[in-house]
Amino acid sequence: MEASKRPPGQHPGGVLHQRKALPYSYTTITLTGLLLTAAMGYLVLYVNKKPQATATDVAKVTLGAANPQDTRPHK
C-alpha cells in the first residue's frame, strides 16, 4: 500500500485554532473599549470623591468641563 502524501488532521496546512475574522468589527470593539474605560474612570473618581461633591460634579470633572467653583466644597 502506498502512503498518502497529505499531512494528518482535518485541515492540513492550516493554523490551529485561529479565526480568519473577528466576531465584531474594529469600530464596535474600539467604541466598547472607550465606553468601558470612561465608565471605569468615572467610577474611580466617584469612589474617591470628597463627601461634599455630587455625582454631577464628578461627571463634570470626568468630561473636563468643570470650573474651579465646581471643584470646591459646597456650603
N, C-alpha and C. Protein backbone atom coordinates (compact mmCIF):
# COMPACT_ATOMS: atom_id res chain seq x y z
N MET A 1 0.82 -1.17 0.00
CA MET A 1 0.00 0.00 0.00
C MET A 1 0.87 1.25 0.00
N GLU A 2 0.42 2.23 -0.73
CA GLU A 2 1.17 3.47 -0.83
C GLU A 2 0.66 4.46 0.23
N ALA A 3 1.60 5.13 0.91
CA ALA A 3 1.23 6.09 1.95
C ALA A 3 0.77 7.40 1.32
N SER A 4 -0.20 8.05 1.95
CA SER A 4 -0.70 9.33 1.47
C SER A 4 0.35 10.41 1.69
N LYS A 5 0.40 11.37 0.79
CA LYS A 5 1.36 12.47 0.91
C LYS A 5 0.78 13.65 1.71
N ARG A 6 -0.50 13.58 2.07
CA ARG A 6 -1.13 14.65 2.85
C ARG A 6 -0.77 14.51 4.32
N PRO A 7 -0.52 15.64 5.02
CA PRO A 7 -0.28 15.55 6.45
C PRO A 7 -1.57 15.18 7.18
N PRO A 8 -1.46 14.57 8.37
CA PRO A 8 -2.66 14.15 9.10
C PRO A 8 -3.43 15.35 9.65
N GLY A 9 -4.71 15.14 9.92
CA GLY A 9 -5.54 16.18 10.51
C GLY A 9 -6.70 16.53 9.61
N GLN A 10 -7.66 17.30 10.13
CA GLN A 10 -8.85 17.65 9.36
C GLN A 10 -8.54 18.70 8.30
N HIS A 11 -7.75 19.71 8.67
CA HIS A 11 -7.40 20.79 7.74
C HIS A 11 -5.89 20.90 7.68
N PRO A 12 -5.24 20.05 6.98
CA PRO A 12 -3.78 20.07 6.96
C PRO A 12 -3.23 21.36 6.36
N GLY A 13 -2.17 21.85 6.98
CA GLY A 13 -1.54 23.07 6.50
C GLY A 13 -2.11 24.33 7.08
N GLY A 14 -3.22 24.26 7.77
CA GLY A 14 -3.83 25.45 8.35
C GLY A 14 -3.27 25.73 9.74
N VAL A 15 -3.44 26.96 10.20
CA VAL A 15 -3.01 27.34 11.54
C VAL A 15 -4.08 26.88 12.52
N LEU A 16 -3.67 26.28 13.58
CA LEU A 16 -4.62 25.71 14.53
C LEU A 16 -5.35 26.76 15.35
N HIS A 17 -6.63 26.63 15.50
CA HIS A 17 -7.47 27.39 16.42
C HIS A 17 -7.41 28.89 16.21
N GLN A 18 -7.29 29.35 15.00
CA GLN A 18 -7.33 30.79 14.74
C GLN A 18 -8.44 31.07 13.75
N ARG A 19 -9.13 32.19 13.99
CA ARG A 19 -10.21 32.58 13.08
C ARG A 19 -9.64 33.51 12.02
N LYS A 20 -10.30 33.52 10.89
CA LYS A 20 -9.88 34.43 9.84
C LYS A 20 -10.41 35.84 10.08
N ALA A 21 -11.52 35.96 10.77
CA ALA A 21 -12.13 37.26 11.01
C ALA A 21 -12.55 37.35 12.47
N LEU A 22 -12.54 38.58 12.99
CA LEU A 22 -13.00 38.80 14.36
C LEU A 22 -14.53 38.72 14.40
N PRO A 23 -15.10 38.38 15.56
CA PRO A 23 -16.56 38.28 15.63
C PRO A 23 -17.27 39.64 15.56
N TYR A 24 -16.56 40.73 15.86
CA TYR A 24 -17.12 42.08 15.81
C TYR A 24 -16.21 42.97 14.98
N SER A 25 -16.74 44.07 14.48
CA SER A 25 -15.95 44.98 13.68
C SER A 25 -14.98 45.77 14.58
N TYR A 26 -13.94 46.31 13.97
CA TYR A 26 -12.96 47.10 14.73
C TYR A 26 -13.62 48.32 15.36
N THR A 27 -14.59 48.90 14.68
CA THR A 27 -15.29 50.07 15.22
C THR A 27 -16.06 49.70 16.49
N THR A 28 -16.75 48.58 16.47
CA THR A 28 -17.51 48.14 17.64
C THR A 28 -16.59 47.84 18.81
N ILE A 29 -15.48 47.19 18.55
CA ILE A 29 -14.53 46.87 19.60
C ILE A 29 -13.92 48.15 20.19
N THR A 30 -13.58 49.11 19.32
CA THR A 30 -12.99 50.37 19.78
C THR A 30 -13.98 51.17 20.63
N LEU A 31 -15.21 51.30 20.15
CA LEU A 31 -16.22 52.06 20.91
C LEU A 31 -16.53 51.39 22.25
N THR A 32 -16.59 50.09 22.26
CA THR A 32 -16.84 49.37 23.51
C THR A 32 -15.69 49.59 24.49
N GLY A 33 -14.47 49.53 24.00
CA GLY A 33 -13.31 49.77 24.86
C GLY A 33 -13.29 51.18 25.43
N LEU A 34 -13.60 52.16 24.59
CA LEU A 34 -13.64 53.54 25.08
C LEU A 34 -14.75 53.74 26.11
N LEU A 35 -15.90 53.13 25.86
CA LEU A 35 -17.02 53.24 26.81
C LEU A 35 -16.66 52.60 28.15
N LEU A 36 -16.06 51.42 28.11
CA LEU A 36 -15.67 50.76 29.35
C LEU A 36 -14.59 51.55 30.10
N THR A 37 -13.64 52.12 29.37
CA THR A 37 -12.60 52.92 30.00
C THR A 37 -13.19 54.17 30.65
N ALA A 38 -14.11 54.84 29.96
CA ALA A 38 -14.75 56.03 30.53
C ALA A 38 -15.57 55.67 31.76
N ALA A 39 -16.29 54.57 31.71
CA ALA A 39 -17.10 54.15 32.86
C ALA A 39 -16.22 53.82 34.06
N MET A 40 -15.12 53.13 33.82
CA MET A 40 -14.21 52.80 34.93
C MET A 40 -13.58 54.07 35.50
N GLY A 41 -13.20 55.01 34.63
CA GLY A 41 -12.64 56.28 35.11
C GLY A 41 -13.63 57.05 35.96
N TYR A 42 -14.89 57.10 35.51
CA TYR A 42 -15.92 57.78 36.29
C TYR A 42 -16.10 57.12 37.65
N LEU A 43 -16.16 55.79 37.66
CA LEU A 43 -16.36 55.08 38.93
C LEU A 43 -15.19 55.29 39.89
N VAL A 44 -13.97 55.31 39.36
CA VAL A 44 -12.80 55.56 40.21
C VAL A 44 -12.89 56.95 40.83
N LEU A 45 -13.23 57.95 40.00
CA LEU A 45 -13.36 59.31 40.54
C LEU A 45 -14.52 59.40 41.54
N TYR A 46 -15.64 58.71 41.26
CA TYR A 46 -16.79 58.76 42.14
C TYR A 46 -16.50 58.11 43.48
N VAL A 47 -15.78 57.00 43.48
CA VAL A 47 -15.46 56.31 44.72
C VAL A 47 -14.50 57.14 45.57
N ASN A 48 -13.58 57.87 44.91
CA ASN A 48 -12.58 58.64 45.63
C ASN A 48 -12.97 60.10 45.85
N LYS A 49 -14.21 60.47 45.55
CA LYS A 49 -14.62 61.87 45.68
C LYS A 49 -14.74 62.30 47.14
N LYS A 50 -14.72 63.61 47.32
CA LYS A 50 -14.93 64.17 48.66
C LYS A 50 -16.41 64.02 49.02
N PRO A 51 -16.73 63.94 50.30
CA PRO A 51 -18.14 63.77 50.69
C PRO A 51 -19.05 64.91 50.23
N GLN A 52 -18.49 66.12 50.06
CA GLN A 52 -19.31 67.27 49.66
C GLN A 52 -19.63 67.27 48.17
N ALA A 53 -18.89 66.53 47.37
CA ALA A 53 -19.09 66.55 45.92
C ALA A 53 -20.30 65.70 45.55
N THR A 54 -20.98 66.16 44.50
CA THR A 54 -22.13 65.41 44.00
C THR A 54 -21.70 64.57 42.78
N ALA A 55 -22.60 63.71 42.35
CA ALA A 55 -22.32 62.89 41.17
C ALA A 55 -22.17 63.77 39.92
N THR A 56 -22.90 64.88 39.87
CA THR A 56 -22.78 65.82 38.75
C THR A 56 -21.40 66.45 38.72
N ASP A 57 -20.87 66.81 39.88
CA ASP A 57 -19.52 67.38 39.96
C ASP A 57 -18.48 66.39 39.43
N VAL A 58 -18.64 65.14 39.80
CA VAL A 58 -17.71 64.10 39.34
C VAL A 58 -17.80 63.95 37.82
N ALA A 59 -19.02 63.98 37.28
CA ALA A 59 -19.20 63.85 35.83
C ALA A 59 -18.55 65.01 35.09
N LYS A 60 -18.68 66.22 35.65
CA LYS A 60 -18.05 67.39 35.02
C LYS A 60 -16.53 67.27 35.02
N VAL A 61 -15.96 66.80 36.11
CA VAL A 61 -14.52 66.62 36.18
C VAL A 61 -14.07 65.53 35.21
N THR A 62 -14.84 64.45 35.11
CA THR A 62 -14.50 63.36 34.20
C THR A 62 -14.48 63.83 32.76
N LEU A 63 -15.43 64.65 32.37
CA LEU A 63 -15.51 65.15 31.00
C LEU A 63 -14.57 66.31 30.75
N GLY A 64 -13.99 66.86 31.80
CA GLY A 64 -13.09 68.01 31.64
C GLY A 64 -13.86 69.31 31.49
N ALA A 65 -15.11 69.35 31.89
CA ALA A 65 -15.94 70.54 31.74
C ALA A 65 -16.15 71.25 33.07
N ALA A 66 -15.36 70.92 34.08
CA ALA A 66 -15.55 71.51 35.41
C ALA A 66 -14.87 72.87 35.50
N ASN A 67 -15.54 73.78 36.17
CA ASN A 67 -14.97 75.08 36.50
C ASN A 67 -14.38 75.00 37.90
N PRO A 68 -13.51 75.94 38.28
CA PRO A 68 -12.96 75.89 39.64
C PRO A 68 -14.03 75.89 40.73
N GLN A 69 -15.15 76.58 40.52
CA GLN A 69 -16.20 76.58 41.55
C GLN A 69 -16.88 75.22 41.66
N ASP A 70 -16.80 74.38 40.63
CA ASP A 70 -17.36 73.03 40.70
C ASP A 70 -16.50 72.08 41.54
N THR A 71 -15.23 72.42 41.69
CA THR A 71 -14.33 71.51 42.40
C THR A 71 -14.11 71.94 43.84
N ARG A 72 -14.73 73.02 44.26
CA ARG A 72 -14.61 73.46 45.65
C ARG A 72 -15.80 72.94 46.45
N PRO A 73 -15.64 72.77 47.76
CA PRO A 73 -16.75 72.26 48.58
C PRO A 73 -17.96 73.17 48.54
N HIS A 74 -19.16 72.58 48.51
CA HIS A 74 -20.40 73.35 48.55
C HIS A 74 -20.69 73.76 49.97
N LYS A 75 -21.31 74.92 50.16
CA LYS A 75 -21.63 75.38 51.51
C LYS A 75 -23.10 75.26 51.78
